[in-house]
Amino acid sequence: MGNQSMQGMDGMKNMNDTKGADMAMTDGEVKKIDTAQDTVTLKHGPLDNLGMPGMTMVFKVADPAMLSAVKVGDQVKFQAEKVNGRIVVTKIQK
């Protein structure tokens, strides 16, 4: 960066970095599970870390084993992150 000052940049957060143990869990309801595609459809509240309002959408899961832990109709808490340009559920629990 040459001689450019970084003063005042200490508090800046990389907006593309959504990973972190302190990321909040979002409430959702399982609407559909597709084990062939490794996806889950969730009706969810706002995803603050991604700047998304609540809606119903299909998510790829980071680990297909997560799909066996839930069933349609379950009320869940989950984390979603942007991974390689795609929104992926990285954690889900009842």
N, C-alpha and C. Protein backbone atom coordinates (compact mmCIF):
# COMPACT_ATOMS: atom_id res chain seq x y z
N MET A 1 0.82 -1.18 0.00
CA MET A 1 0.00 0.00 0.00
C MET A 1 0.86 1.25 0.00
N GLY A 2 2.13 1.11 -0.09
CA GLY A 2 3.00 2.26 -0.15
C GLY A 2 2.97 3.05 1.14
N ASN A 3 2.89 4.36 1.03
CA ASN A 3 2.91 5.24 2.19
C ASN A 3 1.52 5.68 2.62
N GLN A 4 0.46 5.02 2.12
CA GLN A 4 -0.89 5.41 2.49
C GLN A 4 -1.14 5.10 3.95
N SER A 5 -1.78 6.02 4.64
CA SER A 5 -2.08 5.86 6.06
C SER A 5 -3.26 4.92 6.25
N MET A 6 -3.13 4.04 7.23
CA MET A 6 -4.22 3.14 7.59
C MET A 6 -4.91 3.62 8.87
N GLN A 7 -4.58 4.83 9.28
CA GLN A 7 -5.16 5.39 10.50
C GLN A 7 -6.68 5.41 10.38
N GLY A 8 -7.35 4.98 11.45
CA GLY A 8 -8.81 4.97 11.47
C GLY A 8 -9.43 3.73 10.83
N MET A 9 -8.61 2.82 10.32
CA MET A 9 -9.12 1.63 9.63
C MET A 9 -9.21 0.43 10.56
N ASP A 10 -8.75 0.58 11.81
CA ASP A 10 -8.71 -0.55 12.74
C ASP A 10 -10.07 -1.20 12.93
N GLY A 11 -11.14 -0.43 12.95
CA GLY A 11 -12.46 -0.97 13.22
C GLY A 11 -13.18 -1.48 11.99
N MET A 12 -12.57 -1.38 10.84
CA MET A 12 -13.23 -1.80 9.61
C MET A 12 -13.34 -3.31 9.56
N LYS A 13 -14.51 -3.79 9.15
CA LYS A 13 -14.74 -5.23 9.03
C LYS A 13 -14.81 -5.56 7.55
N ASN A 14 -14.19 -6.64 7.16
CA ASN A 14 -14.27 -7.10 5.78
C ASN A 14 -15.71 -7.56 5.53
N MET A 15 -16.43 -6.87 4.69
CA MET A 15 -17.84 -7.16 4.47
C MET A 15 -18.07 -8.51 3.78
N ASN A 16 -17.05 -9.06 3.16
CA ASN A 16 -17.20 -10.36 2.51
C ASN A 16 -16.92 -11.50 3.46
N ASP A 17 -16.37 -11.20 4.63
CA ASP A 17 -16.02 -12.23 5.59
C ASP A 17 -17.18 -12.44 6.56
N THR A 18 -17.96 -13.48 6.34
CA THR A 18 -19.12 -13.74 7.19
C THR A 18 -18.84 -14.85 8.19
N LYS A 19 -17.61 -15.34 8.24
CA LYS A 19 -17.28 -16.43 9.15
C LYS A 19 -16.98 -15.88 10.52
N GLY A 20 -17.22 -16.71 11.53
CA GLY A 20 -16.88 -16.32 12.88
C GLY A 20 -17.73 -17.02 13.90
N ALA A 21 -17.11 -17.36 15.02
CA ALA A 21 -17.82 -18.07 16.07
C ALA A 21 -18.89 -17.20 16.72
N ASP A 22 -18.75 -15.88 16.61
CA ASP A 22 -19.70 -14.99 17.26
C ASP A 22 -20.90 -14.67 16.37
N MET A 23 -20.99 -15.30 15.20
CA MET A 23 -22.10 -15.04 14.30
C MET A 23 -23.41 -15.54 14.92
N ALA A 24 -24.42 -14.71 14.88
CA ALA A 24 -25.71 -15.04 15.49
C ALA A 24 -26.42 -16.15 14.71
N MET A 25 -27.20 -16.91 15.45
CA MET A 25 -28.04 -17.93 14.84
C MET A 25 -29.35 -17.27 14.42
N THR A 26 -29.92 -17.72 13.32
CA THR A 26 -31.18 -17.20 12.79
C THR A 26 -32.27 -18.25 13.00
N ASP A 27 -33.46 -17.81 13.39
CA ASP A 27 -34.59 -18.72 13.55
C ASP A 27 -35.15 -19.09 12.17
N GLY A 28 -35.57 -20.34 12.04
CA GLY A 28 -36.16 -20.78 10.79
C GLY A 28 -37.06 -21.98 10.98
N GLU A 29 -37.79 -22.29 9.92
CA GLU A 29 -38.65 -23.48 9.89
C GLU A 29 -38.30 -24.27 8.64
N VAL A 30 -38.08 -25.57 8.81
CA VAL A 30 -37.75 -26.43 7.68
C VAL A 30 -39.02 -26.67 6.87
N LYS A 31 -38.97 -26.30 5.59
CA LYS A 31 -40.12 -26.46 4.70
C LYS A 31 -39.94 -27.65 3.76
N LYS A 32 -38.68 -27.94 3.39
CA LYS A 32 -38.41 -29.04 2.45
C LYS A 32 -36.96 -29.46 2.61
N ILE A 33 -36.70 -30.75 2.42
CA ILE A 33 -35.35 -31.30 2.44
C ILE A 33 -35.15 -32.07 1.14
N ASP A 34 -34.04 -31.81 0.46
CA ASP A 34 -33.72 -32.52 -0.79
C ASP A 34 -32.34 -33.14 -0.64
N THR A 35 -32.30 -34.42 -0.24
CA THR A 35 -31.02 -35.09 -0.02
C THR A 35 -30.27 -35.33 -1.32
N ALA A 36 -30.97 -35.42 -2.44
CA ALA A 36 -30.30 -35.63 -3.73
C ALA A 36 -29.49 -34.40 -4.13
N GLN A 37 -29.97 -33.23 -3.74
CA GLN A 37 -29.29 -31.97 -4.09
C GLN A 37 -28.52 -31.37 -2.92
N ASP A 38 -28.58 -32.01 -1.75
CA ASP A 38 -27.96 -31.49 -0.52
C ASP A 38 -28.45 -30.08 -0.21
N THR A 39 -29.78 -29.91 -0.26
CA THR A 39 -30.38 -28.61 0.02
C THR A 39 -31.49 -28.72 1.05
N VAL A 40 -31.75 -27.59 1.70
CA VAL A 40 -32.85 -27.47 2.64
C VAL A 40 -33.56 -26.15 2.35
N THR A 41 -34.89 -26.19 2.34
CA THR A 41 -35.67 -24.98 2.16
C THR A 41 -36.10 -24.51 3.54
N LEU A 42 -35.75 -23.28 3.87
CA LEU A 42 -36.05 -22.70 5.18
C LEU A 42 -36.85 -21.42 5.04
N LYS A 43 -37.90 -21.31 5.86
CA LYS A 43 -38.58 -20.03 6.05
C LYS A 43 -37.85 -19.41 7.24
N HIS A 44 -37.22 -18.26 7.02
CA HIS A 44 -36.31 -17.73 8.03
C HIS A 44 -36.50 -16.25 8.29
N GLY A 45 -35.96 -15.84 9.44
CA GLY A 45 -35.91 -14.43 9.79
C GLY A 45 -34.75 -13.78 9.06
N PRO A 46 -34.49 -12.50 9.37
CA PRO A 46 -33.40 -11.78 8.71
C PRO A 46 -32.04 -12.44 8.94
N LEU A 47 -31.25 -12.45 7.89
CA LEU A 47 -29.86 -12.93 7.96
C LEU A 47 -28.99 -11.67 8.00
N ASP A 48 -28.78 -11.16 9.21
CA ASP A 48 -28.09 -9.90 9.38
C ASP A 48 -26.68 -9.91 8.81
N ASN A 49 -25.97 -11.03 8.96
CA ASN A 49 -24.59 -11.09 8.46
C ASN A 49 -24.51 -11.04 6.94
N LEU A 50 -25.63 -11.32 6.26
CA LEU A 50 -25.66 -11.28 4.81
C LEU A 50 -26.50 -10.11 4.28
N GLY A 51 -27.09 -9.33 5.21
CA GLY A 51 -27.91 -8.20 4.80
C GLY A 51 -29.19 -8.61 4.09
N MET A 52 -29.75 -9.75 4.47
CA MET A 52 -30.96 -10.27 3.81
C MET A 52 -32.15 -10.22 4.75
N PRO A 53 -33.32 -9.83 4.23
CA PRO A 53 -34.53 -9.86 5.06
C PRO A 53 -35.03 -11.29 5.22
N GLY A 54 -36.00 -11.48 6.08
CA GLY A 54 -36.62 -12.79 6.24
C GLY A 54 -37.35 -13.18 4.97
N MET A 55 -37.35 -14.47 4.66
CA MET A 55 -38.02 -15.00 3.46
C MET A 55 -37.96 -16.51 3.51
N THR A 56 -38.47 -17.16 2.49
CA THR A 56 -38.34 -18.60 2.33
C THR A 56 -37.42 -18.83 1.15
N MET A 57 -36.36 -19.61 1.37
CA MET A 57 -35.42 -19.87 0.27
C MET A 57 -34.73 -21.22 0.43
N VAL A 58 -34.16 -21.69 -0.67
CA VAL A 58 -33.43 -22.95 -0.71
C VAL A 58 -31.96 -22.66 -0.44
N PHE A 59 -31.37 -23.44 0.47
CA PHE A 59 -29.95 -23.31 0.81
C PHE A 59 -29.23 -24.62 0.54
N LYS A 60 -28.03 -24.55 0.02
CA LYS A 60 -27.11 -25.69 -0.01
C LYS A 60 -26.62 -25.86 1.43
N VAL A 61 -26.32 -27.08 1.85
CA VAL A 61 -25.75 -27.30 3.18
C VAL A 61 -24.27 -27.62 3.05
N ALA A 62 -23.48 -27.15 4.01
CA ALA A 62 -22.04 -27.38 3.99
C ALA A 62 -21.72 -28.86 4.16
N ASP A 63 -22.53 -29.55 4.96
CA ASP A 63 -22.32 -30.97 5.23
C ASP A 63 -23.65 -31.69 5.06
N PRO A 64 -23.77 -32.58 4.08
CA PRO A 64 -25.03 -33.30 3.85
C PRO A 64 -25.57 -34.03 5.08
N ALA A 65 -24.71 -34.39 6.02
CA ALA A 65 -25.15 -35.07 7.24
C ALA A 65 -26.10 -34.20 8.05
N MET A 66 -26.03 -32.88 7.88
CA MET A 66 -26.94 -31.97 8.60
C MET A 66 -28.40 -32.26 8.26
N LEU A 67 -28.64 -32.74 7.06
CA LEU A 67 -30.03 -32.95 6.63
C LEU A 67 -30.70 -34.08 7.40
N SER A 68 -29.94 -35.03 7.91
CA SER A 68 -30.54 -36.14 8.66
C SER A 68 -30.90 -35.73 10.08
N ALA A 69 -30.44 -34.57 10.52
CA ALA A 69 -30.72 -34.10 11.88
C ALA A 69 -32.02 -33.31 11.99
N VAL A 70 -32.64 -33.01 10.85
CA VAL A 70 -33.88 -32.22 10.86
C VAL A 70 -34.91 -32.86 9.96
N LYS A 71 -36.17 -32.45 10.17
CA LYS A 71 -37.25 -32.94 9.31
C LYS A 71 -38.19 -31.78 9.00
N VAL A 72 -39.00 -31.94 7.98
CA VAL A 72 -39.95 -30.90 7.58
C VAL A 72 -40.84 -30.55 8.77
N GLY A 73 -40.99 -29.26 9.00
CA GLY A 73 -41.80 -28.77 10.11
C GLY A 73 -41.00 -28.39 11.34
N ASP A 74 -39.74 -28.83 11.42
CA ASP A 74 -38.90 -28.50 12.58
C ASP A 74 -38.65 -27.00 12.67
N GLN A 75 -38.69 -26.49 13.88
CA GLN A 75 -38.25 -25.12 14.17
C GLN A 75 -36.76 -25.23 14.49
N VAL A 76 -35.93 -24.46 13.77
CA VAL A 76 -34.49 -24.58 13.92
C VAL A 76 -33.83 -23.23 14.12
N LYS A 77 -32.58 -23.27 14.53
CA LYS A 77 -31.69 -22.12 14.53
C LYS A 77 -30.55 -22.51 13.60
N PHE A 78 -30.12 -21.56 12.75
CA PHE A 78 -29.07 -21.91 11.79
C PHE A 78 -28.18 -20.71 11.50
N GLN A 79 -27.02 -21.03 10.93
CA GLN A 79 -26.10 -20.01 10.44
C GLN A 79 -25.92 -20.23 8.95
N ALA A 80 -25.90 -19.14 8.21
CA ALA A 80 -25.64 -19.21 6.77
C ALA A 80 -24.51 -18.24 6.46
N GLU A 81 -23.65 -18.65 5.54
CA GLU A 81 -22.50 -17.84 5.15
C GLU A 81 -22.37 -17.86 3.63
N LYS A 82 -21.71 -16.86 3.10
CA LYS A 82 -21.41 -16.84 1.68
C LYS A 82 -20.11 -17.62 1.48
N VAL A 83 -20.19 -18.71 0.72
CA VAL A 83 -19.04 -19.57 0.46
C VAL A 83 -18.91 -19.71 -1.06
N ASN A 84 -17.79 -19.27 -1.59
CA ASN A 84 -17.56 -19.34 -3.04
C ASN A 84 -18.71 -18.73 -3.84
N GLY A 85 -19.23 -17.61 -3.35
CA GLY A 85 -20.29 -16.89 -4.06
C GLY A 85 -21.68 -17.45 -3.87
N ARG A 86 -21.83 -18.45 -3.03
CA ARG A 86 -23.14 -19.09 -2.81
C ARG A 86 -23.46 -19.08 -1.32
N ILE A 87 -24.72 -18.86 -0.98
CA ILE A 87 -25.12 -18.86 0.43
C ILE A 87 -25.34 -20.31 0.87
N VAL A 88 -24.64 -20.68 1.94
CA VAL A 88 -24.62 -22.07 2.41
C VAL A 88 -24.94 -22.11 3.90
N VAL A 89 -25.77 -23.08 4.30
CA VAL A 89 -26.03 -23.30 5.73
C VAL A 89 -24.81 -24.04 6.27
N THR A 90 -24.16 -23.42 7.26
CA THR A 90 -22.95 -24.01 7.84
C THR A 90 -23.20 -24.64 9.20
N LYS A 91 -24.35 -24.33 9.80
CA LYS A 91 -24.71 -24.90 11.11
C LYS A 91 -26.22 -24.88 11.22
N ILE A 92 -26.78 -25.96 11.77
CA ILE A 92 -28.24 -26.01 11.98
C ILE A 92 -28.49 -26.86 13.22
N GLN A 93 -29.44 -26.41 14.05
CA GLN A 93 -29.79 -27.15 15.25
C GLN A 93 -31.26 -26.93 15.57
N LYS A 94 -31.85 -27.93 16.25
CA LYS A 94 -33.25 -27.82 16.67
C LYS A 94 -33.34 -26.99 17.94
